Amino acid sequence: MVKTLTKHGNSYALVIDKPILDLLKIRPESPLEVTTDGTVLIIRPVSAPGRSARVAKSLEKVNARHGKALKKLAE
C-alpha cells in the first residue's frame, strides 16, 4: 500500500485506513509511538503500562511450577 501525506495546518499527516486501525486495535485516543532507524518510519501502539511486568511475573509462576518438565521437554 502506497500512501501520501496530507497537508494539515503547518504540518503534514498520514491518513491510516480504518481496516488497518481495526486490525491493530488502534482507536483515535490510542497513544502511538513514532520511531525511526534513520531510513524507516515505525508507528506502533504504545503497549499497556505494566504489561511487561505482568508477563514477567506470569512467566516466573510457570517456571516455578513447571520448570523441570519444560527443561526435560527441551532436551
N, C-alpha and C. Protein backbone atom coordinates (compact mmCIF):
# COMPACT_ATOMS: atom_id res chain seq x y z
N MET A 1 0.85 -1.16 0.00
CA MET A 1 0.00 0.00 0.00
C MET A 1 0.90 1.23 0.00
N VAL A 2 0.66 2.11 -0.92
CA VAL A 2 1.40 3.36 -1.01
C VAL A 2 0.50 4.49 -0.53
N LYS A 3 1.01 5.32 0.37
CA LYS A 3 0.25 6.43 0.92
C LYS A 3 1.02 7.72 0.66
N THR A 4 0.31 8.83 0.62
CA THR A 4 0.94 10.14 0.52
C THR A 4 0.51 10.97 1.71
N LEU A 5 1.31 11.97 2.03
CA LEU A 5 1.00 12.84 3.15
C LEU A 5 -0.05 13.87 2.74
N THR A 6 -0.86 14.28 3.71
CA THR A 6 -1.91 15.27 3.51
C THR A 6 -1.56 16.52 4.32
N LYS A 7 -1.71 17.69 3.71
CA LYS A 7 -1.44 18.95 4.41
C LYS A 7 -2.43 19.10 5.56
N HIS A 8 -1.93 19.42 6.75
CA HIS A 8 -2.75 19.57 7.96
C HIS A 8 -2.20 20.76 8.73
N GLY A 9 -2.75 21.96 8.48
CA GLY A 9 -2.23 23.18 9.11
C GLY A 9 -0.83 23.45 8.58
N ASN A 10 0.12 23.64 9.49
CA ASN A 10 1.52 23.86 9.10
C ASN A 10 2.30 22.55 9.02
N SER A 11 1.62 21.43 9.18
CA SER A 11 2.27 20.12 9.19
C SER A 11 1.68 19.24 8.10
N TYR A 12 2.12 18.00 8.09
CA TYR A 12 1.57 17.00 7.18
C TYR A 12 1.12 15.80 7.99
N ALA A 13 0.08 15.12 7.51
CA ALA A 13 -0.49 13.99 8.23
C ALA A 13 -0.49 12.77 7.34
N LEU A 14 -0.38 11.62 7.96
CA LEU A 14 -0.50 10.34 7.27
C LEU A 14 -1.85 9.77 7.67
N VAL A 15 -2.72 9.56 6.70
CA VAL A 15 -4.05 9.02 6.97
C VAL A 15 -3.97 7.50 6.93
N ILE A 16 -4.39 6.87 8.03
CA ILE A 16 -4.36 5.40 8.12
C ILE A 16 -5.78 4.89 7.93
N ASP A 17 -5.95 3.98 6.99
CA ASP A 17 -7.28 3.45 6.67
C ASP A 17 -7.88 2.69 7.84
N LYS A 18 -9.20 2.76 7.97
CA LYS A 18 -9.93 2.14 9.08
C LYS A 18 -9.66 0.64 9.20
N PRO A 19 -9.62 -0.14 8.11
CA PRO A 19 -9.34 -1.58 8.27
C PRO A 19 -8.00 -1.86 8.96
N ILE A 20 -7.01 -1.02 8.69
CA ILE A 20 -5.70 -1.20 9.34
C ILE A 20 -5.81 -0.84 10.82
N LEU A 21 -6.51 0.25 11.11
CA LEU A 21 -6.71 0.64 12.51
C LEU A 21 -7.45 -0.44 13.28
N ASP A 22 -8.48 -1.03 12.65
CA ASP A 22 -9.24 -2.10 13.30
C ASP A 22 -8.37 -3.33 13.53
N LEU A 23 -7.56 -3.68 12.55
CA LEU A 23 -6.68 -4.85 12.67
C LEU A 23 -5.72 -4.69 13.84
N LEU A 24 -5.19 -3.49 14.01
CA LEU A 24 -4.22 -3.24 15.07
C LEU A 24 -4.86 -2.78 16.38
N LYS A 25 -6.20 -2.69 16.37
CA LYS A 25 -6.96 -2.26 17.56
C LYS A 25 -6.51 -0.86 18.00
N ILE A 26 -6.34 0.03 17.03
CA ILE A 26 -5.98 1.41 17.32
C ILE A 26 -7.23 2.26 17.25
N ARG A 27 -7.49 3.01 18.30
CA ARG A 27 -8.63 3.92 18.35
C ARG A 27 -8.11 5.34 18.29
N PRO A 28 -8.97 6.32 18.02
CA PRO A 28 -8.50 7.70 17.91
C PRO A 28 -7.73 8.19 19.14
N GLU A 29 -8.07 7.68 20.32
CA GLU A 29 -7.39 8.13 21.54
C GLU A 29 -6.19 7.25 21.91
N SER A 30 -5.89 6.25 21.10
CA SER A 30 -4.75 5.36 21.38
C SER A 30 -3.43 6.11 21.24
N PRO A 31 -2.56 6.03 22.25
CA PRO A 31 -1.24 6.65 22.10
C PRO A 31 -0.40 5.82 21.13
N LEU A 32 0.32 6.51 20.25
CA LEU A 32 1.17 5.83 19.27
C LEU A 32 2.62 6.25 19.49
N GLU A 33 3.51 5.30 19.37
CA GLU A 33 4.93 5.57 19.48
C GLU A 33 5.48 5.71 18.06
N VAL A 34 6.16 6.79 17.77
CA VAL A 34 6.74 7.03 16.46
C VAL A 34 8.26 7.02 16.61
N THR A 35 8.93 6.09 15.91
CA THR A 35 10.38 5.99 15.97
C THR A 35 10.92 5.83 14.55
N THR A 36 12.22 5.90 14.43
CA THR A 36 12.86 5.69 13.14
C THR A 36 14.24 5.08 13.37
N ASP A 37 14.69 4.33 12.38
CA ASP A 37 16.06 3.82 12.43
C ASP A 37 16.96 4.63 11.49
N GLY A 38 16.44 5.73 10.99
CA GLY A 38 17.18 6.59 10.09
C GLY A 38 16.74 6.45 8.64
N THR A 39 16.10 5.33 8.32
CA THR A 39 15.60 5.13 6.95
C THR A 39 14.14 4.70 6.92
N VAL A 40 13.66 4.15 8.03
CA VAL A 40 12.29 3.62 8.11
C VAL A 40 11.55 4.32 9.23
N LEU A 41 10.30 4.69 8.97
CA LEU A 41 9.43 5.27 9.98
C LEU A 41 8.62 4.14 10.60
N ILE A 42 8.62 4.05 11.92
CA ILE A 42 7.91 2.98 12.62
C ILE A 42 6.86 3.62 13.51
N ILE A 43 5.60 3.22 13.31
CA ILE A 43 4.48 3.73 14.11
C ILE A 43 3.81 2.52 14.74
N ARG A 44 3.74 2.50 16.07
CA ARG A 44 3.12 1.36 16.74
C ARG A 44 2.36 1.83 17.96
N PRO A 45 1.30 1.08 18.31
CA PRO A 45 0.55 1.43 19.52
C PRO A 45 1.45 1.26 20.75
N VAL A 46 1.31 2.15 21.70
CA VAL A 46 2.05 2.03 22.95
C VAL A 46 1.43 0.90 23.74
N SER A 47 2.26 -0.02 24.22
CA SER A 47 1.72 -1.15 24.98
C SER A 47 1.18 -0.66 26.32
N ALA A 48 0.26 -1.43 26.86
CA ALA A 48 -0.38 -1.07 28.12
C ALA A 48 0.66 -0.94 29.23
N PRO A 49 0.55 0.07 30.08
CA PRO A 49 1.51 0.23 31.17
C PRO A 49 1.50 -0.98 32.08
N GLY A 50 2.68 -1.44 32.45
CA GLY A 50 2.78 -2.57 33.37
C GLY A 50 2.63 -3.92 32.70
N ARG A 51 2.38 -3.95 31.39
CA ARG A 51 2.17 -5.24 30.72
C ARG A 51 3.42 -6.11 30.80
N SER A 52 4.58 -5.54 30.56
CA SER A 52 5.83 -6.31 30.61
C SER A 52 6.03 -6.91 31.99
N ALA A 53 5.73 -6.15 33.01
CA ALA A 53 5.90 -6.66 34.38
C ALA A 53 4.93 -7.81 34.65
N ARG A 54 3.70 -7.70 34.16
CA ARG A 54 2.73 -8.78 34.36
C ARG A 54 3.14 -10.04 33.61
N VAL A 55 3.67 -9.87 32.40
CA VAL A 55 4.12 -11.03 31.63
C VAL A 55 5.30 -11.70 32.34
N ALA A 56 6.24 -10.92 32.83
CA ALA A 56 7.40 -11.47 33.54
C ALA A 56 6.96 -12.22 34.80
N LYS A 57 5.99 -11.66 35.52
CA LYS A 57 5.50 -12.31 36.74
C LYS A 57 4.81 -13.64 36.40
N SER A 58 4.04 -13.66 35.34
CA SER A 58 3.38 -14.89 34.92
C SER A 58 4.40 -15.94 34.49
N LEU A 59 5.43 -15.51 33.78
CA LEU A 59 6.48 -16.42 33.35
C LEU A 59 7.21 -17.03 34.54
N GLU A 60 7.45 -16.23 35.56
CA GLU A 60 8.08 -16.75 36.78
C GLU A 60 7.22 -17.83 37.42
N LYS A 61 5.91 -17.62 37.49
CA LYS A 61 5.00 -18.62 38.06
C LYS A 61 5.04 -19.92 37.27
N VAL A 62 5.00 -19.81 35.95
CA VAL A 62 5.03 -21.00 35.09
C VAL A 62 6.34 -21.75 35.30
N ASN A 63 7.45 -21.03 35.33
CA ASN A 63 8.75 -21.68 35.52
C ASN A 63 8.85 -22.33 36.90
N ALA A 64 8.28 -21.69 37.92
CA ALA A 64 8.33 -22.26 39.26
C ALA A 64 7.53 -23.55 39.33
N ARG A 65 6.38 -23.58 38.67
CA ARG A 65 5.51 -24.77 38.72
C ARG A 65 5.95 -25.87 37.76
N HIS A 66 6.44 -25.49 36.58
CA HIS A 66 6.66 -26.48 35.53
C HIS A 66 8.06 -26.44 34.94
N GLY A 67 8.98 -25.78 35.64
CA GLY A 67 10.34 -25.61 35.12
C GLY A 67 11.04 -26.92 34.78
N LYS A 68 10.95 -27.91 35.68
CA LYS A 68 11.63 -29.19 35.44
C LYS A 68 11.06 -29.88 34.21
N ALA A 69 9.75 -29.89 34.08
CA ALA A 69 9.11 -30.53 32.92
C ALA A 69 9.48 -29.81 31.63
N LEU A 70 9.53 -28.49 31.67
CA LEU A 70 9.88 -27.73 30.48
C LEU A 70 11.33 -28.00 30.07
N LYS A 71 12.23 -28.14 31.05
CA LYS A 71 13.63 -28.44 30.73
C LYS A 71 13.74 -29.80 30.09
N LYS A 72 12.99 -30.80 30.61
CA LYS A 72 13.02 -32.14 30.01
C LYS A 72 12.48 -32.13 28.59
N LEU A 73 11.43 -31.38 28.38
CA LEU A 73 10.87 -31.28 27.03
C LEU A 73 11.85 -30.62 26.07
N ALA A 74 12.66 -29.71 26.57
CA ALA A 74 13.60 -29.00 25.71
C ALA A 74 14.79 -29.88 25.31
N GLU A 75 15.03 -30.93 26.06
CA GLU A 75 16.18 -31.81 25.76
C GLU A 75 15.94 -32.72 24.60
